[in-house]
Amino acid sequence: MSESTPNIIEGKGSLAVFVATHKAALDAGLGGGGAVLMRGFDVRDAHVFDAVVEAYGEPGFTYEESLSNAVRVNVTPRVFTANEAPPTTEIHLHHEMAQTPLYPSKLFFYCEIAAAEGGATPLCRSDLLFAQLAEQNPGLAETFENRGVRYTNTMPGADDAGSGQGRSWRSTLGVDTREAAEARLSELSYTWEWQVDGSLRVTTATLPAVRDLGDGRKSFFNQLIAAFRGWSDSRNDPSRALTFGDGEQITSEDMAPIIALADELTYDHAWQEGDVVLVDNFAVMHGRRPFAGKRRVLASLIG
């Protein structure tokens, strides 16, 4: 069993009532392993799941206010589809929205319909990854911690659900005009370049690649694995997407030992209908395996 396996709580009846009365225990389980699976409770649809998130009692983080580049569809104001990318597309390991300066602290996932084949959600503890990287390759760990990372991606003019990073610049930035987009990017210290097809190429300011969790642990908190392995579509080239904070390209040689460690540490959560998983976004990366048949996993973010 992987060290990234979530803590498991099995029960029955109302999960919202359980969450409201056992929040301290949930948070303790989250702190111990980075993720908690709640299974067997009566969570029959998105609205019941919404009530579970509300019962948790912490401020939400709406998808509209995020800078994520994934196409998603809201089901309720706080609940949305996990990703609208095609079933054959693998969503590689990442911390939610870590490629932006705005990100949630925790994630709720809920399985309404389990895939007939595949569709697991991989989970990987980034605190363990960074600890092992620091032990095996201290120079590389220090490089990422000290130099940070910059991300470049091109957002289309209209949502492209065929891409794992196909959310339009209008949706991503919450604007309708180029002038408003530029004002928003300027506030966030991005640089940008308009493309002839109406898409928008943006580059972040230097963002941390490592996060201090405040309890003696450090986390490899970033989007590097997902970007390096999966940011490829008609607009985006992974080889041009990632640099250290000083502008030097991050190479396959830099990423190879990190990807190898992540693969060793990853646990694939095979969904059962009704499962709810709470994830510490600062300590655990997640993704999505390809699948066949219908699959509906919903998500909600905690600020």
Protein backbone atom coordinates (compact mmCIF):
# COMPACT_ATOMS: atom_id res chain seq x y z
CA MET A 1 0.00 0.00 0.00
CA SER A 2 1.33 3.43 -0.94
CA GLU A 3 2.16 6.00 1.73
CA SER A 4 -0.17 8.31 -0.21
CA THR A 5 -3.21 6.15 0.63
CA PRO A 6 -5.91 8.30 2.26
CA ASN A 7 -7.20 7.72 5.76
CA ILE A 8 -10.54 5.89 5.51
CA ILE A 9 -13.76 6.61 7.40
CA GLU A 10 -16.64 4.20 6.73
CA GLY A 11 -20.14 4.98 7.84
CA LYS A 12 -23.77 5.32 6.85
CA GLY A 13 -26.54 7.87 6.89
CA SER A 14 -26.00 11.60 6.42
CA LEU A 15 -22.44 12.58 5.65
CA ALA A 16 -23.31 16.25 6.19
CA VAL A 17 -24.29 15.49 9.80
CA PHE A 18 -21.15 13.41 10.28
CA VAL A 19 -18.90 16.16 8.89
CA ALA A 20 -20.53 18.85 11.03
CA THR A 21 -20.06 16.82 14.22
CA HIS A 22 -16.64 15.29 13.48
CA LYS A 23 -14.74 18.11 11.79
CA ALA A 24 -11.87 17.98 14.29
CA ALA A 25 -11.35 14.28 13.58
CA LEU A 26 -11.49 14.92 9.83
CA ASP A 27 -8.88 17.64 10.10
CA ALA A 28 -6.67 15.42 12.26
CA GLY A 29 -6.85 12.70 9.62
CA LEU A 30 -6.08 15.24 6.94
CA GLY A 31 -3.02 16.45 8.84
CA GLY A 32 -1.78 12.91 9.31
CA GLY A 33 -2.00 11.67 5.75
CA GLY A 34 -3.08 14.53 3.53
CA ALA A 35 -6.37 12.95 2.39
CA VAL A 36 -9.46 11.37 3.95
CA LEU A 37 -11.86 9.00 2.17
CA MET A 38 -15.46 8.92 3.43
CA ARG A 39 -17.28 5.84 2.14
CA GLY A 40 -20.68 4.22 2.69
CA PHE A 41 -22.60 7.39 3.56
CA ASP A 42 -25.78 8.47 1.77
CA VAL A 43 -24.43 10.93 -0.81
CA ARG A 44 -26.77 10.41 -3.73
CA ASP A 45 -26.30 13.53 -5.86
CA ALA A 46 -24.58 16.88 -6.29
CA HIS A 47 -26.97 18.72 -3.99
CA VAL A 48 -26.32 16.31 -1.12
CA PHE A 49 -22.59 16.74 -1.80
CA ASP A 50 -23.07 20.52 -1.69
CA ALA A 51 -24.61 20.14 1.76
CA VAL A 52 -21.58 18.13 2.88
CA VAL A 53 -19.24 20.92 1.79
CA GLU A 54 -21.40 23.49 3.56
CA ALA A 55 -21.40 21.38 6.73
CA TYR A 56 -17.59 21.47 6.76
CA GLY A 57 -17.97 25.12 7.71
CA GLU A 58 -14.98 26.75 6.02
CA PRO A 59 -15.06 29.50 3.37
CA GLY A 60 -15.42 28.32 -0.20
CA PHE A 61 -13.24 29.15 -3.18
CA THR A 62 -15.40 29.46 -6.28
CA TYR A 63 -14.11 28.32 -9.65
CA GLU A 64 -15.05 31.66 -11.18
CA GLU A 65 -12.52 33.48 -9.00
CA SER A 66 -9.72 31.06 -9.87
CA LEU A 67 -7.11 31.34 -12.61
CA SER A 68 -7.21 27.65 -13.46
CA ASN A 69 -6.93 26.78 -17.16
CA ALA A 70 -9.11 23.63 -17.02
CA VAL A 71 -12.61 23.70 -18.52
CA ARG A 72 -15.23 22.85 -15.89
CA VAL A 73 -19.00 23.18 -15.55
CA ASN A 74 -20.76 24.37 -12.40
CA VAL A 75 -23.53 22.12 -11.06
CA THR A 76 -24.25 24.30 -8.01
CA PRO A 77 -22.51 27.58 -7.15
CA ARG A 78 -19.87 25.71 -5.14
CA VAL A 79 -19.81 22.32 -6.94
CA PHE A 80 -18.46 21.73 -10.45
CA THR A 81 -17.23 18.95 -12.72
CA ALA A 82 -13.65 17.96 -11.92
CA ASN A 83 -12.44 18.35 -15.53
CA GLU A 84 -14.12 18.36 -18.93
CA ALA A 85 -11.09 17.00 -20.82
CA PRO A 86 -11.82 13.95 -23.02
CA PRO A 87 -11.79 10.52 -21.32
CA THR A 88 -8.62 9.51 -23.16
CA THR A 89 -6.70 12.50 -21.74
CA GLU A 90 -4.64 11.85 -18.63
CA ILE A 91 -4.59 14.68 -16.11
CA HIS A 92 -1.15 14.40 -14.54
CA LEU A 93 -0.24 15.03 -10.91
CA HIS A 94 -0.57 18.63 -9.73
CA HIS A 95 -1.53 20.83 -6.83
CA GLU A 96 -4.75 22.63 -7.68
CA MET A 97 -4.01 26.03 -9.25
CA ALA A 98 -0.39 26.06 -8.03
CA GLN A 99 0.59 27.53 -11.41
CA THR A 100 -1.15 30.74 -10.31
CA PRO A 101 -0.85 33.08 -7.31
CA LEU A 102 -4.43 32.17 -6.25
CA TYR A 103 -5.18 28.64 -5.02
CA PRO A 104 -7.42 26.76 -2.54
CA SER A 105 -6.18 25.11 0.63
CA LYS A 106 -8.35 21.98 0.42
CA LEU A 107 -10.39 20.05 -2.15
CA PHE A 108 -13.52 17.94 -1.87
CA PHE A 109 -14.13 15.28 -4.53
CA TYR A 110 -17.34 13.28 -4.91
CA CYS A 111 -18.03 10.31 -7.17
CA GLU A 112 -21.56 10.43 -8.56
CA ILE A 113 -20.89 7.90 -11.35
CA ALA A 114 -17.89 5.56 -11.33
CA ALA A 115 -16.28 4.78 -14.68
CA ALA A 116 -16.81 1.33 -16.16
CA GLU A 117 -13.07 1.10 -16.71
CA GLY A 118 -10.19 3.26 -15.44
CA GLY A 119 -10.81 6.78 -14.19
CA ALA A 120 -8.93 6.49 -10.90
CA THR A 121 -7.71 9.64 -9.17
CA PRO A 122 -3.99 9.34 -8.42
CA LEU A 123 -2.88 10.89 -5.13
CA CYS A 124 0.73 11.66 -4.23
CA ARG A 125 2.04 13.19 -1.02
CA SER A 126 4.33 16.04 -1.96
CA ASP A 127 5.80 16.29 1.53
CA LEU A 128 7.15 12.75 1.21
CA LEU A 129 8.31 13.45 -2.33
CA PHE A 130 10.29 16.52 -1.31
CA ALA A 131 11.78 14.80 1.75
CA GLN A 132 13.03 11.93 -0.41
CA LEU A 133 14.28 14.32 -3.10
CA ALA A 134 16.21 16.29 -0.48
CA GLU A 135 17.78 13.07 0.77
CA GLN A 136 18.62 11.59 -2.65
CA ASN A 137 19.41 14.75 -4.60
CA PRO A 138 19.90 17.65 -2.18
CA GLY A 139 21.33 19.97 -4.82
CA LEU A 140 18.26 19.64 -7.02
CA ALA A 141 15.91 20.07 -4.07
CA GLU A 142 17.76 23.23 -3.06
CA THR A 143 17.64 24.55 -6.62
CA PHE A 144 13.86 24.31 -6.81
CA GLU A 145 13.40 25.72 -3.31
CA ASN A 146 15.70 28.69 -3.85
CA ARG A 147 14.99 29.61 -7.46
CA GLY A 148 11.22 29.11 -7.77
CA VAL A 149 9.43 28.63 -11.06
CA ARG A 150 7.66 30.57 -13.79
CA TYR A 151 4.87 29.12 -15.94
CA THR A 152 3.93 30.06 -19.48
CA ASN A 153 0.73 28.97 -21.18
CA THR A 154 -1.48 30.09 -24.04
CA MET A 155 -5.20 30.50 -23.36
CA PRO A 156 -7.64 30.29 -26.30
CA GLY A 157 -10.16 32.98 -27.14
CA ALA A 158 -13.02 30.51 -26.50
CA ASP A 159 -13.26 27.48 -24.22
CA ASP A 160 -11.71 24.36 -25.75
CA ALA A 161 -13.01 21.29 -23.89
CA GLY A 162 -10.75 19.07 -26.00
CA SER A 163 -7.71 20.29 -24.05
CA GLY A 164 -6.81 19.75 -20.42
CA GLN A 165 -5.84 23.46 -20.34
CA GLY A 166 -8.48 24.82 -22.69
CA ARG A 167 -10.25 27.41 -20.55
CA SER A 168 -10.42 30.68 -22.46
CA TRP A 169 -8.70 33.86 -21.33
CA ARG A 170 -12.12 35.44 -20.90
CA SER A 171 -13.27 32.69 -18.53
CA THR A 172 -9.93 32.36 -16.77
CA LEU A 173 -9.57 36.06 -16.05
CA GLY A 174 -13.28 36.78 -15.62
CA VAL A 175 -13.25 39.56 -18.23
CA ASP A 176 -14.85 40.39 -21.60
CA THR A 177 -12.29 42.69 -23.21
CA ARG A 178 -8.58 42.75 -23.95
CA GLU A 179 -8.21 45.92 -21.90
CA ALA A 180 -9.77 44.28 -18.85
CA ALA A 181 -7.61 41.19 -19.36
CA GLU A 182 -4.45 43.30 -19.41
CA ALA A 183 -5.52 45.16 -16.26
CA ARG A 184 -6.15 41.87 -14.45
CA LEU A 185 -2.81 40.40 -15.56
CA SER A 186 -1.00 43.54 -14.50
CA GLU A 187 -2.53 43.30 -11.01
CA LEU A 188 -1.21 39.72 -10.77
CA SER A 189 2.29 40.62 -12.07
CA TYR A 190 1.97 38.49 -15.21
CA THR A 191 3.55 39.34 -18.53
CA TRP A 192 1.57 38.66 -21.71
CA GLU A 193 1.49 38.62 -25.49
CA TRP A 194 -1.57 38.55 -27.73
CA GLN A 195 -1.49 35.99 -30.54
CA VAL A 196 -2.79 36.51 -34.08
CA ASP A 197 -5.57 33.94 -33.58
CA GLY A 198 -6.98 35.83 -30.58
CA SER A 199 -5.40 33.60 -27.96
CA LEU A 200 -3.33 35.01 -25.10
CA ARG A 201 0.13 33.82 -24.08
CA VAL A 202 0.92 34.64 -20.44
CA THR A 203 3.84 34.12 -18.08
CA THR A 204 3.62 34.29 -14.30
CA ALA A 205 5.91 36.12 -11.96
CA THR A 206 8.26 33.81 -10.05
CA LEU A 207 6.17 31.47 -7.89
CA PRO A 208 7.38 29.10 -5.16
CA ALA A 209 8.15 25.51 -6.16
CA VAL A 210 8.37 24.40 -2.52
CA ARG A 211 5.98 25.26 0.32
CA ASP A 212 6.79 25.23 4.04
CA LEU A 213 3.88 23.46 5.73
CA GLY A 214 4.71 25.02 9.08
CA ASP A 215 5.17 21.78 11.02
CA GLY A 216 8.69 20.85 9.98
CA ARG A 217 7.60 19.46 6.60
CA LYS A 218 8.10 20.99 3.18
CA SER A 219 6.01 20.20 0.12
CA PHE A 220 6.89 20.13 -3.57
CA PHE A 221 4.00 22.53 -4.17
CA ASN A 222 3.72 23.38 -7.85
CA GLN A 223 2.33 22.30 -11.24
CA LEU A 224 5.64 21.08 -12.67
CA ILE A 225 4.83 17.41 -13.21
CA ALA A 226 1.48 18.17 -14.87
CA ALA A 227 2.97 20.91 -17.01
CA PHE A 228 6.01 18.88 -18.04
CA ARG A 229 4.03 15.73 -18.86
CA GLY A 230 0.70 17.08 -20.02
CA TRP A 231 0.63 20.73 -21.10
CA SER A 232 0.57 19.83 -24.75
CA ASP A 233 -2.09 20.91 -27.23
CA SER A 234 -2.33 22.96 -30.40
CA ARG A 235 -1.29 26.08 -28.47
CA ASN A 236 1.05 24.81 -25.76
CA ASP A 237 4.47 23.14 -25.82
CA PRO A 238 5.65 21.74 -22.45
CA SER A 239 9.29 22.33 -23.40
CA ARG A 240 8.59 26.08 -23.44
CA ALA A 241 6.21 26.21 -20.49
CA LEU A 242 8.59 25.98 -17.53
CA THR A 243 11.56 27.99 -16.35
CA PHE A 244 13.22 28.67 -13.05
CA GLY A 245 12.56 32.10 -11.63
CA ASP A 246 15.66 33.49 -13.33
CA GLY A 247 14.42 32.36 -16.75
CA GLU A 248 16.60 29.27 -17.20
CA GLN A 249 14.70 26.39 -18.80
CA ILE A 250 13.67 23.48 -16.60
CA THR A 251 14.82 20.36 -18.43
CA SER A 252 13.92 16.68 -18.61
CA GLU A 253 17.08 15.98 -16.58
CA ASP A 254 15.77 18.25 -13.82
CA MET A 255 12.36 16.58 -13.80
CA ALA A 256 13.29 12.91 -14.27
CA PRO A 257 14.17 12.11 -10.62
CA ILE A 258 11.09 13.98 -9.40
CA ILE A 259 8.76 12.15 -11.76
CA ALA A 260 10.31 8.82 -10.74
CA LEU A 261 9.72 9.57 -7.06
CA ALA A 262 6.15 10.68 -7.74
CA ASP A 263 5.42 7.47 -9.62
CA GLU A 264 6.74 5.42 -6.68
CA LEU A 265 4.68 7.32 -4.12
CA THR A 266 1.40 7.56 -6.02
CA TYR A 267 -1.75 5.77 -4.89
CA ASP A 268 -4.57 5.35 -7.44
CA HIS A 269 -7.94 5.85 -5.80
CA ALA A 270 -10.48 3.64 -7.59
CA TRP A 271 -13.82 5.36 -7.14
CA GLN A 272 -16.99 3.81 -5.78
CA GLU A 273 -20.23 5.69 -6.24
CA GLY A 274 -20.91 7.86 -3.22
CA ASP A 275 -17.25 8.22 -2.24
CA VAL A 276 -16.19 11.62 -0.93
CA VAL A 277 -12.50 12.44 -0.58
CA LEU A 278 -11.12 15.49 1.24
CA VAL A 279 -7.61 16.48 0.13
CA ASP A 280 -5.05 18.88 1.63
CA ASN A 281 -4.08 20.81 -1.49
CA PHE A 282 -0.82 21.99 0.09
CA ALA A 283 0.43 18.47 0.88
CA VAL A 284 -1.09 16.17 -1.77
CA MET A 285 -1.07 16.23 -5.58
CA HIS A 286 -3.90 14.68 -7.56
CA GLY A 287 -4.73 13.84 -11.18
CA ARG A 288 -7.04 11.71 -13.32
CA ARG A 289 -6.41 8.47 -15.16
CA PRO A 290 -8.01 7.90 -18.60
CA PHE A 291 -11.29 6.01 -18.54
CA ALA A 292 -13.97 4.27 -20.58
CA GLY A 293 -17.71 4.65 -20.15
CA LYS A 294 -19.46 7.42 -18.27
CA ARG A 295 -17.70 8.96 -15.28
CA ARG A 296 -18.88 11.86 -13.16
CA VAL A 297 -16.63 13.11 -10.39
CA LEU A 298 -17.49 16.49 -8.93
CA ALA A 299 -15.31 18.88 -6.97
CA SER A 300 -15.56 21.77 -4.55
CA LEU A 301 -12.80 24.05 -3.28
CA ILE A 302 -12.08 25.37 0.20
CA GLY A 303 -10.35 28.75 0.47
